[in-house]
N, C-alpha and C. Protein backbone atom coordinates (compact mmCIF):
# COMPACT_ATOMS: atom_id res chain seq x y z
N MET A 1 0.85 -1.18 0.00
CA MET A 1 0.00 0.00 0.00
C MET A 1 0.90 1.25 0.00
N ILE A 2 0.75 2.07 -1.00
CA ILE A 2 1.48 3.33 -1.08
C ILE A 2 0.63 4.40 -0.41
N MET A 3 1.24 5.19 0.45
CA MET A 3 0.50 6.20 1.19
C MET A 3 0.91 7.60 0.77
N ALA A 4 0.04 8.54 1.06
CA ALA A 4 0.30 9.95 0.84
C ALA A 4 -0.06 10.70 2.12
N LYS A 5 0.40 11.94 2.22
CA LYS A 5 0.16 12.73 3.43
C LYS A 5 -1.31 12.95 3.73
N ASP A 6 -2.16 12.85 2.70
CA ASP A 6 -3.58 13.10 2.91
C ASP A 6 -4.42 11.83 2.90
N ASP A 7 -3.78 10.66 3.01
CA ASP A 7 -4.53 9.41 3.10
C ASP A 7 -5.29 9.36 4.43
N TYR A 8 -6.44 8.73 4.41
CA TYR A 8 -7.29 8.62 5.59
C TYR A 8 -6.51 8.11 6.80
N TYR A 9 -5.78 7.01 6.63
CA TYR A 9 -5.10 6.41 7.77
C TYR A 9 -3.95 7.27 8.28
N VAL A 10 -3.29 7.99 7.40
CA VAL A 10 -2.22 8.90 7.83
C VAL A 10 -2.83 10.02 8.68
N LEU A 11 -3.93 10.58 8.22
CA LEU A 11 -4.59 11.67 8.96
C LEU A 11 -5.19 11.15 10.27
N ALA A 12 -5.82 9.98 10.21
CA ALA A 12 -6.39 9.39 11.43
C ALA A 12 -5.28 9.11 12.44
N TYR A 13 -4.14 8.63 11.95
CA TYR A 13 -3.01 8.38 12.84
C TYR A 13 -2.55 9.68 13.50
N ARG A 14 -2.41 10.73 12.73
CA ARG A 14 -1.98 12.03 13.29
C ARG A 14 -2.93 12.49 14.39
N ILE A 15 -4.22 12.41 14.13
CA ILE A 15 -5.23 12.87 15.08
C ILE A 15 -5.21 12.02 16.34
N LEU A 16 -5.29 10.70 16.17
CA LEU A 16 -5.35 9.81 17.33
C LEU A 16 -4.05 9.81 18.12
N ALA A 17 -2.91 9.84 17.44
CA ALA A 17 -1.63 9.86 18.15
C ALA A 17 -1.48 11.14 18.97
N TYR A 18 -1.92 12.26 18.41
CA TYR A 18 -1.86 13.52 19.15
C TYR A 18 -2.76 13.46 20.38
N LEU A 19 -3.98 12.95 20.21
CA LEU A 19 -4.90 12.86 21.34
C LEU A 19 -4.38 11.90 22.41
N TYR A 20 -3.73 10.83 21.99
CA TYR A 20 -3.16 9.88 22.95
C TYR A 20 -2.01 10.52 23.72
N LEU A 21 -1.18 11.26 23.03
CA LEU A 21 -0.08 11.96 23.69
C LEU A 21 -0.62 12.95 24.73
N CYS A 22 -1.66 13.71 24.35
CA CYS A 22 -2.27 14.66 25.29
C CYS A 22 -2.84 13.93 26.51
N LEU A 23 -3.49 12.80 26.27
CA LEU A 23 -4.06 12.03 27.37
C LEU A 23 -2.96 11.58 28.34
N LYS A 24 -1.87 11.04 27.80
CA LYS A 24 -0.79 10.55 28.65
C LYS A 24 -0.11 11.67 29.42
N GLU A 25 -0.04 12.86 28.82
CA GLU A 25 0.61 13.99 29.48
C GLU A 25 -0.34 14.82 30.32
N GLY A 26 -1.63 14.47 30.31
CA GLY A 26 -2.60 15.19 31.11
C GLY A 26 -2.88 16.59 30.59
N GLU A 27 -2.73 16.79 29.30
CA GLU A 27 -2.94 18.10 28.70
C GLU A 27 -4.24 18.13 27.91
N ILE A 28 -4.83 19.31 27.83
CA ILE A 28 -6.01 19.51 26.99
C ILE A 28 -5.53 19.69 25.56
N PRO A 29 -6.08 18.90 24.61
CA PRO A 29 -5.64 19.02 23.22
C PRO A 29 -5.89 20.42 22.65
N ASP A 30 -4.96 20.86 21.84
CA ASP A 30 -5.10 22.12 21.11
C ASP A 30 -5.95 21.83 19.88
N GLN A 31 -7.17 22.36 19.88
CA GLN A 31 -8.09 22.08 18.79
C GLN A 31 -7.59 22.63 17.45
N ASP A 32 -6.76 23.64 17.49
CA ASP A 32 -6.20 24.16 16.24
C ASP A 32 -5.28 23.14 15.58
N TYR A 33 -4.68 22.27 16.38
CA TYR A 33 -3.76 21.27 15.86
C TYR A 33 -4.48 20.20 15.05
N ILE A 34 -5.69 19.82 15.52
CA ILE A 34 -6.44 18.75 14.86
C ILE A 34 -7.76 19.22 14.27
N GLY A 35 -7.99 20.52 14.26
CA GLY A 35 -9.24 21.08 13.77
C GLY A 35 -9.31 21.17 12.26
N PRO A 36 -10.45 21.65 11.76
CA PRO A 36 -10.68 21.71 10.31
C PRO A 36 -9.75 22.66 9.56
N ASP A 37 -9.17 23.61 10.25
CA ASP A 37 -8.28 24.57 9.60
C ASP A 37 -6.82 24.31 9.96
N SER A 38 -6.52 23.12 10.43
CA SER A 38 -5.17 22.76 10.86
C SER A 38 -4.17 22.84 9.71
N GLU A 39 -3.09 23.54 9.96
CA GLU A 39 -2.01 23.59 8.97
C GLU A 39 -1.27 22.26 8.93
N ILE A 40 -1.33 21.50 10.00
CA ILE A 40 -0.68 20.19 10.07
C ILE A 40 -1.41 19.19 9.17
N LEU A 41 -2.75 19.18 9.25
CA LEU A 41 -3.53 18.24 8.44
C LEU A 41 -3.65 18.73 7.00
N ASN A 42 -3.92 20.01 6.83
CA ASN A 42 -3.99 20.65 5.51
C ASN A 42 -4.93 19.92 4.55
N ILE A 43 -6.21 19.79 4.97
CA ILE A 43 -7.22 19.13 4.14
C ILE A 43 -8.49 19.99 4.13
N SER A 44 -9.40 19.66 3.23
CA SER A 44 -10.65 20.40 3.15
C SER A 44 -11.52 20.13 4.38
N ARG A 45 -12.41 21.04 4.67
CA ARG A 45 -13.32 20.87 5.81
C ARG A 45 -14.19 19.63 5.63
N ASN A 46 -14.67 19.39 4.42
CA ASN A 46 -15.51 18.21 4.18
C ASN A 46 -14.77 16.91 4.48
N TYR A 47 -13.52 16.84 4.05
CA TYR A 47 -12.72 15.64 4.30
C TYR A 47 -12.44 15.51 5.80
N TRP A 48 -12.15 16.62 6.47
CA TRP A 48 -11.91 16.60 7.91
C TRP A 48 -13.16 16.10 8.64
N GLU A 49 -14.33 16.61 8.25
CA GLU A 49 -15.57 16.17 8.89
C GLU A 49 -15.80 14.68 8.66
N TYR A 50 -15.53 14.21 7.46
CA TYR A 50 -15.68 12.79 7.15
C TYR A 50 -14.81 11.96 8.10
N ILE A 51 -13.56 12.34 8.24
CA ILE A 51 -12.63 11.61 9.11
C ILE A 51 -13.11 11.64 10.55
N MET A 52 -13.45 12.81 11.06
CA MET A 52 -13.87 12.94 12.45
C MET A 52 -15.17 12.17 12.72
N VAL A 53 -16.12 12.23 11.79
CA VAL A 53 -17.38 11.50 11.96
C VAL A 53 -17.09 10.01 12.09
N HIS A 54 -16.25 9.48 11.23
CA HIS A 54 -15.98 8.05 11.26
C HIS A 54 -15.14 7.64 12.46
N LEU A 55 -14.18 8.46 12.87
CA LEU A 55 -13.43 8.15 14.08
C LEU A 55 -14.36 8.12 15.30
N TYR A 56 -15.32 9.04 15.32
CA TYR A 56 -16.29 9.10 16.41
C TYR A 56 -17.26 7.91 16.35
N GLN A 57 -17.85 7.67 15.18
CA GLN A 57 -18.82 6.59 15.05
C GLN A 57 -18.20 5.21 15.25
N ASP A 58 -16.92 5.08 14.92
CA ASP A 58 -16.24 3.80 15.12
C ASP A 58 -15.78 3.62 16.56
N GLY A 59 -15.98 4.65 17.39
CA GLY A 59 -15.67 4.56 18.81
C GLY A 59 -14.23 4.87 19.16
N TYR A 60 -13.49 5.52 18.25
CA TYR A 60 -12.08 5.80 18.49
C TYR A 60 -11.83 7.13 19.18
N LEU A 61 -12.80 8.02 19.15
CA LEU A 61 -12.66 9.27 19.88
C LEU A 61 -14.00 9.70 20.44
N GLU A 62 -13.94 10.54 21.45
CA GLU A 62 -15.14 11.07 22.09
C GLU A 62 -14.94 12.57 22.30
N GLY A 63 -16.03 13.24 22.61
CA GLY A 63 -15.93 14.67 22.87
C GLY A 63 -16.20 15.53 21.65
N ILE A 64 -16.94 14.96 20.71
CA ILE A 64 -17.40 15.78 19.59
C ILE A 64 -18.91 15.63 19.49
N ALA A 65 -19.53 16.61 18.89
CA ALA A 65 -20.97 16.57 18.65
C ALA A 65 -21.20 16.56 17.14
N LEU A 66 -22.09 15.69 16.69
CA LEU A 66 -22.45 15.65 15.28
C LEU A 66 -23.66 16.54 15.08
N VAL A 67 -23.54 17.45 14.14
CA VAL A 67 -24.58 18.44 13.90
C VAL A 67 -25.16 18.22 12.52
N PRO A 68 -26.46 17.84 12.43
CA PRO A 68 -27.06 17.66 11.10
C PRO A 68 -26.95 18.95 10.28
N THR A 69 -26.58 18.79 9.03
CA THR A 69 -26.40 19.95 8.16
C THR A 69 -27.22 19.74 6.90
N VAL A 70 -28.09 20.68 6.61
CA VAL A 70 -28.94 20.59 5.43
C VAL A 70 -28.08 20.57 4.16
N GLY A 71 -28.39 19.64 3.27
CA GLY A 71 -27.70 19.57 1.99
C GLY A 71 -26.39 18.82 2.02
N LYS A 72 -26.03 18.21 3.16
CA LYS A 72 -24.78 17.46 3.24
C LYS A 72 -25.06 16.02 3.65
N VAL A 73 -24.30 15.11 3.11
CA VAL A 73 -24.45 13.70 3.46
C VAL A 73 -23.97 13.46 4.88
N ASN A 74 -22.77 13.95 5.18
CA ASN A 74 -22.21 13.79 6.52
C ASN A 74 -22.63 14.95 7.41
N PRO A 75 -22.85 14.68 8.69
CA PRO A 75 -23.16 15.79 9.60
C PRO A 75 -21.94 16.67 9.81
N GLY A 76 -22.19 17.88 10.27
CA GLY A 76 -21.09 18.74 10.67
C GLY A 76 -20.53 18.24 11.98
N VAL A 77 -19.34 18.70 12.31
CA VAL A 77 -18.67 18.25 13.52
C VAL A 77 -18.33 19.45 14.38
N LYS A 78 -18.68 19.36 15.65
CA LYS A 78 -18.29 20.39 16.62
C LYS A 78 -17.42 19.69 17.66
N MET A 79 -16.17 20.13 17.76
CA MET A 79 -15.30 19.57 18.79
C MET A 79 -15.59 20.25 20.12
N LEU A 80 -15.75 19.43 21.13
CA LEU A 80 -15.98 19.94 22.47
C LEU A 80 -14.64 20.04 23.19
N ARG A 81 -14.63 20.77 24.27
CA ARG A 81 -13.37 20.97 25.01
C ARG A 81 -12.76 19.64 25.44
N GLY A 82 -13.57 18.64 25.66
CA GLY A 82 -13.08 17.36 26.17
C GLY A 82 -12.80 16.31 25.10
N VAL A 83 -12.48 16.71 23.88
CA VAL A 83 -12.20 15.72 22.83
C VAL A 83 -11.00 14.88 23.25
N MET A 84 -11.15 13.53 23.16
CA MET A 84 -10.06 12.65 23.55
C MET A 84 -10.18 11.30 22.87
N ILE A 85 -9.09 10.59 22.86
CA ILE A 85 -9.05 9.24 22.32
C ILE A 85 -9.69 8.29 23.33
N THR A 86 -10.34 7.24 22.84
CA THR A 86 -10.94 6.24 23.71
C THR A 86 -9.99 5.04 23.83
N PRO A 87 -10.24 4.15 24.79
CA PRO A 87 -9.43 2.93 24.85
C PRO A 87 -9.47 2.14 23.53
N LYS A 88 -10.62 2.11 22.89
CA LYS A 88 -10.73 1.45 21.58
C LYS A 88 -9.87 2.17 20.54
N GLY A 89 -9.78 3.49 20.63
CA GLY A 89 -8.93 4.26 19.74
C GLY A 89 -7.45 3.98 19.97
N ILE A 90 -7.08 3.81 21.23
CA ILE A 90 -5.68 3.48 21.56
C ILE A 90 -5.33 2.12 20.96
N ASP A 91 -6.23 1.16 21.11
CA ASP A 91 -6.01 -0.17 20.54
C ASP A 91 -5.88 -0.08 19.02
N PHE A 92 -6.76 0.66 18.38
CA PHE A 92 -6.72 0.86 16.92
C PHE A 92 -5.40 1.50 16.51
N LEU A 93 -4.98 2.49 17.25
CA LEU A 93 -3.73 3.21 16.97
C LEU A 93 -2.53 2.27 17.04
N GLN A 94 -2.52 1.38 18.01
CA GLN A 94 -1.35 0.54 18.26
C GLN A 94 -1.37 -0.80 17.53
N ASP A 95 -2.55 -1.33 17.24
CA ASP A 95 -2.62 -2.70 16.72
C ASP A 95 -3.13 -2.84 15.29
N ASN A 96 -3.63 -1.80 14.67
CA ASN A 96 -4.17 -1.89 13.32
C ASN A 96 -3.03 -1.82 12.30
N SER A 97 -3.04 -2.71 11.33
CA SER A 97 -1.94 -2.77 10.36
C SER A 97 -1.87 -1.51 9.49
N ALA A 98 -3.01 -0.94 9.11
CA ALA A 98 -2.99 0.28 8.31
C ALA A 98 -2.43 1.46 9.11
N MET A 99 -2.72 1.48 10.41
CA MET A 99 -2.17 2.54 11.26
C MET A 99 -0.66 2.36 11.42
N SER A 100 -0.19 1.12 11.48
CA SER A 100 1.25 0.87 11.55
C SER A 100 1.94 1.36 10.29
N LYS A 101 1.31 1.14 9.14
CA LYS A 101 1.87 1.63 7.87
C LYS A 101 1.88 3.15 7.84
N ALA A 102 0.83 3.77 8.37
CA ALA A 102 0.78 5.23 8.43
C ALA A 102 1.89 5.76 9.32
N ARG A 103 2.11 5.11 10.46
CA ARG A 103 3.18 5.52 11.38
C ARG A 103 4.54 5.43 10.68
N GLU A 104 4.79 4.33 9.98
CA GLU A 104 6.06 4.15 9.28
C GLU A 104 6.21 5.18 8.15
N PHE A 105 5.11 5.46 7.45
CA PHE A 105 5.14 6.48 6.40
C PHE A 105 5.54 7.84 6.96
N LEU A 106 4.94 8.21 8.08
CA LEU A 106 5.26 9.50 8.70
C LEU A 106 6.69 9.53 9.22
N LYS A 107 7.20 8.39 9.68
CA LYS A 107 8.59 8.34 10.12
C LYS A 107 9.53 8.62 8.95
N THR A 108 9.19 8.10 7.77
CA THR A 108 10.05 8.35 6.60
C THR A 108 10.05 9.83 6.23
N LEU A 109 8.95 10.51 6.55
CA LEU A 109 8.86 11.95 6.28
C LEU A 109 9.37 12.77 7.47
N LYS A 110 9.72 12.06 8.57
CA LYS A 110 10.13 12.71 9.81
C LYS A 110 9.02 13.64 10.32
N GLU A 111 7.78 13.16 10.22
CA GLU A 111 6.62 13.96 10.60
C GLU A 111 5.77 13.28 11.66
N THR A 112 6.39 12.50 12.51
CA THR A 112 5.61 11.86 13.57
C THR A 112 5.22 12.90 14.60
N ILE A 113 4.33 12.52 15.45
CA ILE A 113 3.86 13.38 16.52
C ILE A 113 4.98 13.46 17.57
N PRO A 114 5.33 14.65 18.04
CA PRO A 114 6.37 14.74 19.07
C PRO A 114 6.03 13.86 20.25
N GLY A 115 7.02 13.14 20.75
CA GLY A 115 6.82 12.29 21.92
C GLY A 115 6.38 10.88 21.59
N LEU A 116 6.13 10.58 20.32
CA LEU A 116 5.70 9.22 19.95
C LEU A 116 6.73 8.54 19.09
C-alpha cells in the first residue's frame, strides 16, 4: 500500500496519536492542531468532517458533537473541550496494520507526533 500525506489512515493516525499523547501527558488538546483549519492536516473541511465522523462513530474518539447539516451527506462536527481518544482508539492506533503503515510512512517523512 502506497500512502500519501492526505490518506485517511495517515490523517487518522496524526489525530489519534496527538490525542493519545495529550491524554498521557494530562494536557487539553489544542483544537487548532487537529481542527478543520489545521495547517498540520492541511485538508478540506468536508474531508476533515468525514474523518472525524468516522473516528467518532467507530468509537475511536469522544468529545465531539455531530450536527445535522442541510444539503450534506455527513453531519457537521463540533469539537468539544473534552475531545479525547478512547481505549478502543488506543487499541486501533497501536494494533491496526494500516495505522502501523501510516506511522512508518510518517517516520520516513520525519513527521511523527512529538513524543511518539
